[in-house]
C-alpha atoms as a PDB file:
ATOM      1  CA  UNK A   1      83.405  81.955  91.202  1.00  0.00           C
ATOM      2  CA  UNK A   2      85.907  83.279  88.704  1.00  0.00           C
ATOM      3  CA  UNK A   3      84.706  83.932  85.194  1.00  0.00           C
ATOM      4  CA  UNK A   4      88.212  84.216  83.745  1.00  0.00           C
ATOM      5  CA  UNK A   5      87.291  87.173  81.583  1.00  0.00           C
ATOM      6  CA  UNK A   6      90.320  89.271  82.414  1.00  0.00           C
ATOM      7  CA  UNK A   7      93.467  89.080  80.294  1.00  0.00           C
ATOM      8  CA  UNK A   8      96.654  89.068  82.372  1.00  0.00           C
ATOM      9  CA  UNK A   9      99.440  91.331  81.126  1.00  0.00           C
ATOM     10  CA  UNK A  10     102.433  89.707  79.436  1.00  0.00           C
ATOM     11  CA  UNK A  11     105.838  89.788  81.100  1.00  0.00           C
ATOM     12  CA  UNK A  12     106.904  93.163  79.611  1.00  0.00           C
ATOM     13  CA  UNK A  13     103.767  94.827  80.954  1.00  0.00           C
ATOM     14  CA  UNK A  14     104.140  93.676  84.581  1.00  0.00           C
ATOM     15  CA  UNK A  15     105.348  96.071  87.289  1.00  0.00           C
ATOM     16  CA  UNK A  16     106.810  95.354  90.707  1.00  0.00           C
ATOM     17  CA  UNK A  17     103.665  96.785  92.257  1.00  0.00           C
ATOM     18  CA  UNK A  18     101.758  93.836  90.842  1.00  0.00           C
ATOM     19  CA  UNK A  19     103.942  91.383  92.887  1.00  0.00           C
ATOM     20  CA  UNK A  20     102.351  90.241  96.122  1.00  0.00           C
ATOM     21  CA  UNK A  21     104.559  88.558  98.723  1.00  0.00           C
ATOM     22  CA  UNK A  22     101.849  87.166 100.962  1.00  0.00           C
ATOM     23  CA  UNK A  23      98.497  85.511 100.402  1.00  0.00           C
ATOM     24  CA  UNK A  24      97.624  83.123  97.633  1.00  0.00           C
ATOM     25  CA  UNK A  25     100.371  80.977  96.114  1.00  0.00           C
ATOM     26  CA  UNK A  26     101.599  82.572  92.873  1.00  0.00           C
ATOM     27  CA  UNK A  27     102.125  80.601  89.681  1.00  0.00           C
ATOM     28  CA  UNK A  28     103.954  81.758  86.548  1.00  0.00           C
ATOM     29  CA  UNK A  29     102.604  80.244  83.345  1.00  0.00           C
ATOM     30  CA  UNK A  30     105.055  79.466  80.571  1.00  0.00           C
ATOM     31  CA  UNK A  31     103.042  78.365  77.567  1.00  0.00           C
ATOM     32  CA  UNK A  32     103.589  79.128  73.880  1.00  0.00           C
ATOM     33  CA  UNK A  33      99.967  78.699  72.895  1.00  0.00           C
ATOM     34  CA  UNK A  34      97.901  81.790  73.982  1.00  0.00           C
ATOM     35  CA  UNK A  35      94.643  79.920  74.094  1.00  0.00           C
ATOM     36  CA  UNK A  36      96.095  77.194  76.295  1.00  0.00           C
ATOM     37  CA  UNK A  37      97.790  79.815  78.494  1.00  0.00           C
ATOM     38  CA  UNK A  38      94.439  81.581  79.142  1.00  0.00           C
ATOM     39  CA  UNK A  39      92.789  78.238  79.805  1.00  0.00           C
ATOM     40  CA  UNK A  40      95.476  77.351  82.363  1.00  0.00           C
ATOM     41  CA  UNK A  41      95.103  80.805  83.956  1.00  0.00           C
ATOM     42  CA  UNK A  42      91.349  80.273  84.378  1.00  0.00           C
ATOM     43  CA  UNK A  43      91.790  76.784  85.875  1.00  0.00           C
ATOM     44  CA  UNK A  44      94.567  77.899  88.242  1.00  0.00           C
ATOM     45  CA  UNK A  45      92.562  80.865  89.494  1.00  0.00           C
ATOM     46  CA  UNK A  46      89.429  78.639  89.968  1.00  0.00           C
ATOM     47  CA  UNK A  47      91.609  76.409  92.204  1.00  0.00           C
ATOM     48  CA  UNK A  48      92.300  79.404  94.417  1.00  0.00           C
ATOM     49  CA  UNK A  49      95.787  80.309  93.245  1.00  0.00           C
ATOM     50  CA  UNK A  50      97.103  83.543  91.779  1.00  0.00           C
ATOM     51  CA  UNK A  51      98.705  83.742  88.334  1.00  0.00           C
ATOM     52  CA  UNK A  52     101.810  85.895  88.671  1.00  0.00           C
ATOM     53  CA  UNK A  53     102.271  86.226  84.915  1.00  0.00           C
ATOM     54  CA  UNK A  54     102.141  84.545  81.549  1.00  0.00           C
ATOM     55  CA  UNK A  55     105.087  84.177  79.175  1.00  0.00           C
ATOM     56  CA  UNK A  56     105.357  82.482  75.848  1.00  0.00           C
ATOM     57  CA  UNK A  57     109.006  81.297  75.953  1.00  0.00           C
ATOM     58  CA  UNK A  58     111.254  79.367  78.267  1.00  0.00           C
ATOM     59  CA  UNK A  59     113.963  82.010  78.231  1.00  0.00           C
ATOM     60  CA  UNK A  60     111.479  84.734  79.174  1.00  0.00           C
ATOM     61  CA  UNK A  61     110.114  82.501  81.957  1.00  0.00           C
ATOM     62  CA  UNK A  62     113.534  82.296  83.532  1.00  0.00           C
ATOM     63  CA  UNK A  63     113.934  86.064  83.519  1.00  0.00           C
ATOM     64  CA  UNK A  64     110.397  86.634  84.751  1.00  0.00           C
ATOM     65  CA  UNK A  65     110.761  84.018  87.523  1.00  0.00           C
ATOM     66  CA  UNK A  66     113.862  85.729  88.779  1.00  0.00           C
ATOM     67  CA  UNK A  67     112.072  89.074  88.940  1.00  0.00           C
ATOM     68  CA  UNK A  68     108.639  87.984  90.234  1.00  0.00           C
ATOM     69  CA  UNK A  69     109.781  85.063  92.453  1.00  0.00           C
ATOM     70  CA  UNK A  70     106.584  82.964  91.995  1.00  0.00           C
ATOM     71  CA  UNK A  71     105.917  79.899  94.091  1.00  0.00           C
ATOM     72  CA  UNK A  72     105.700  77.703  91.013  1.00  0.00           C
ATOM     73  CA  UNK A  73     106.586  77.990  87.240  1.00  0.00           C
END
């Protein structure tokens, strides 16, 4: 079971080596409230999905989605 204690790096801290092409479905979280974003991350991971990244603005989500190519934003 996931304890959700880890903090995921924000979009400017992600590298291409952190991008996985196969395996769990990847989800990019776009949420301006940091507490809500971490709660969503925990819930998504507990459902068996991988969080590709977290961003706090819609514009950054578009850029990050183009770079990381998640399954869902």
